[in-house]
Amino acid sequence: MTSNQILQLNALSTAASALGMLAFRGTLYRLFGADSPVLFDVIAIGLLVYAGALVFVARAPLVGRRALMAFTFADGLWVAGSAIVLLLFWNELTPLARILVIGAALVVDVFAMLQFRAAGGLGGRAQAV
């Protein structure tokens, strides 16, 4: 799989998640113990912007190592943030919300690992995944 394809799949997954959040905005926030959907709307819009950035970079003939590592870092922050949310708000989250957070974090982690490998890891020698 090429770097471009990894970023395209990441963009598709990210956009689908954002659209799902917006489609279920009237229900989703309750699963997380929130008082309103505003925070989730902001997150969804941020995810759409992130998906757009992924598509923009993926359209280049060659995706650079810096771009791959930037997306890897951003995805790693999402995974870490998910763990923090689970630790801090476990009791407020419904079982379905916990599953959604864990599932999304696992998918994002897979993209982070693929991007990291495509960037050549810490050694900097890019490789096909």
Protein backbone atom coordinates (compact mmCIF):
# COMPACT_ATOMS: atom_id res chain seq x y z
CA MET A 1 0.00 0.00 0.00
CA THR A 2 1.41 3.40 -0.94
CA SER A 3 1.61 6.41 1.34
CA ASN A 4 -1.03 8.11 -0.79
CA GLN A 5 -3.42 5.19 -0.34
CA ILE A 6 -2.87 5.10 3.43
CA LEU A 7 -3.70 8.80 3.71
CA GLN A 8 -6.72 8.41 1.41
CA LEU A 9 -8.09 5.58 3.56
CA ASN A 10 -7.42 7.59 6.69
CA ALA A 11 -9.30 10.53 5.16
CA LEU A 12 -12.24 8.31 4.21
CA SER A 13 -12.42 6.79 7.68
CA THR A 14 -12.07 10.18 9.36
CA ALA A 15 -14.75 11.80 7.20
CA ALA A 16 -17.11 8.85 7.73
CA SER A 17 -16.66 9.16 11.49
CA ALA A 18 -17.33 12.90 11.38
CA LEU A 19 -20.44 12.47 9.25
CA GLY A 20 -21.65 9.72 11.60
CA MET A 21 -21.16 12.06 14.55
CA LEU A 22 -23.19 14.75 12.82
CA ALA A 23 -25.89 12.32 11.70
CA PHE A 24 -26.38 11.04 15.26
CA ARG A 25 -25.75 14.36 17.00
CA GLY A 26 -29.08 14.21 18.83
CA THR A 27 -28.21 10.90 20.47
CA LEU A 28 -24.43 10.70 20.59
CA TYR A 29 -23.80 13.29 23.28
CA ARG A 30 -26.13 11.53 25.71
CA LEU A 31 -24.06 8.34 25.41
CA PHE A 32 -21.06 10.32 26.64
CA GLY A 33 -22.89 11.98 29.53
CA ALA A 34 -22.68 15.43 27.93
CA ASP A 35 -25.32 18.12 28.31
CA SER A 36 -25.41 19.17 24.65
CA PRO A 37 -24.04 18.10 21.26
CA VAL A 38 -21.92 21.25 20.79
CA LEU A 39 -18.58 19.64 21.76
CA PHE A 40 -19.24 16.72 19.43
CA ASP A 41 -20.21 19.08 16.60
CA VAL A 42 -16.89 20.90 17.05
CA ILE A 43 -15.00 17.60 17.07
CA ALA A 44 -16.84 16.47 13.92
CA ILE A 45 -16.00 19.70 12.11
CA GLY A 46 -12.37 19.34 13.20
CA LEU A 47 -12.36 15.79 11.85
CA LEU A 48 -13.70 17.00 8.51
CA VAL A 49 -10.92 19.59 8.33
CA TYR A 50 -8.38 16.87 9.20
CA ALA A 51 -9.83 14.61 6.49
CA GLY A 52 -9.49 17.48 4.02
CA ALA A 53 -5.83 17.92 4.96
CA LEU A 54 -5.25 14.19 4.48
CA VAL A 55 -6.83 14.32 1.01
CA PHE A 56 -4.86 17.42 0.08
CA VAL A 57 -1.54 15.82 1.00
CA ALA A 58 -2.50 12.44 -0.51
CA ARG A 59 -3.05 14.10 -3.90
CA ALA A 60 0.64 14.93 -4.22
CA PRO A 61 2.62 12.61 -6.49
CA LEU A 62 4.93 11.78 -3.60
CA VAL A 63 4.01 12.13 0.08
CA GLY A 64 6.98 13.38 2.07
CA ARG A 65 8.26 11.88 5.27
CA ARG A 66 7.50 15.06 7.24
CA ALA A 67 3.84 14.95 6.23
CA LEU A 68 3.56 11.28 7.14
CA MET A 69 5.18 11.87 10.51
CA ALA A 70 2.93 14.89 11.17
CA PHE A 71 -0.18 12.78 10.54
CA THR A 72 1.33 9.97 12.60
CA PHE A 73 1.86 12.39 15.49
CA ALA A 74 -1.68 13.79 15.18
CA ASP A 75 -3.17 10.30 15.13
CA GLY A 76 -1.05 9.37 18.13
CA LEU A 77 -2.47 12.36 19.99
CA TRP A 78 -5.98 11.12 19.19
CA VAL A 79 -5.16 7.69 20.60
CA ALA A 80 -3.62 9.21 23.75
CA GLY A 81 -6.59 11.55 24.12
CA SER A 82 -8.95 8.61 23.83
CA ALA A 83 -7.14 6.83 26.65
CA ILE A 84 -7.36 9.97 28.80
CA VAL A 85 -11.09 10.31 28.11
CA LEU A 86 -11.61 6.67 29.12
CA LEU A 87 -9.61 7.12 32.31
CA LEU A 88 -11.21 10.39 33.38
CA PHE A 89 -14.80 9.80 32.31
CA TRP A 90 -15.25 6.03 32.50
CA ASN A 91 -18.22 6.26 34.89
CA GLU A 92 -19.99 8.93 32.80
CA LEU A 93 -19.69 6.93 29.57
CA THR A 94 -22.27 4.35 28.63
CA PRO A 95 -20.93 0.95 27.57
CA LEU A 96 -21.65 1.85 23.93
CA ALA A 97 -19.69 5.11 24.29
CA ARG A 98 -16.75 3.17 25.71
CA ILE A 99 -16.86 0.78 22.76
CA LEU A 100 -17.00 3.71 20.31
CA VAL A 101 -13.99 5.41 21.91
CA ILE A 102 -11.95 2.20 22.02
CA GLY A 103 -12.93 1.20 18.48
CA ALA A 104 -12.08 4.59 17.03
CA ALA A 105 -8.76 4.64 18.89
CA LEU A 106 -7.85 1.21 17.51
CA VAL A 107 -8.62 2.29 13.93
CA VAL A 108 -6.67 5.53 14.34
CA ASP A 109 -3.76 3.60 15.84
CA VAL A 110 -3.65 1.32 12.79
CA PHE A 111 -3.41 4.38 10.54
CA ALA A 112 -0.69 5.87 12.75
CA MET A 113 1.33 2.65 12.53
CA LEU A 114 0.90 2.40 8.75
CA GLN A 115 1.94 6.03 8.28
CA PHE A 116 4.91 5.56 10.60
CA ARG A 117 6.09 2.51 8.66
CA ALA A 118 5.57 4.29 5.33
CA ALA A 119 7.66 7.20 6.63
CA GLY A 120 10.46 4.79 7.48
CA GLY A 121 9.97 4.94 11.22
CA LEU A 122 12.57 6.72 13.28
CA GLY A 123 15.30 5.78 10.81
CA GLY A 124 13.78 7.89 8.07
CA ARG A 125 14.00 5.39 5.23
CA ALA A 126 10.57 5.28 3.60
CA GLN A 127 9.17 1.92 2.64
CA ALA A 128 6.09 0.43 1.04
CA VAL A 129 3.57 -0.95 3.51
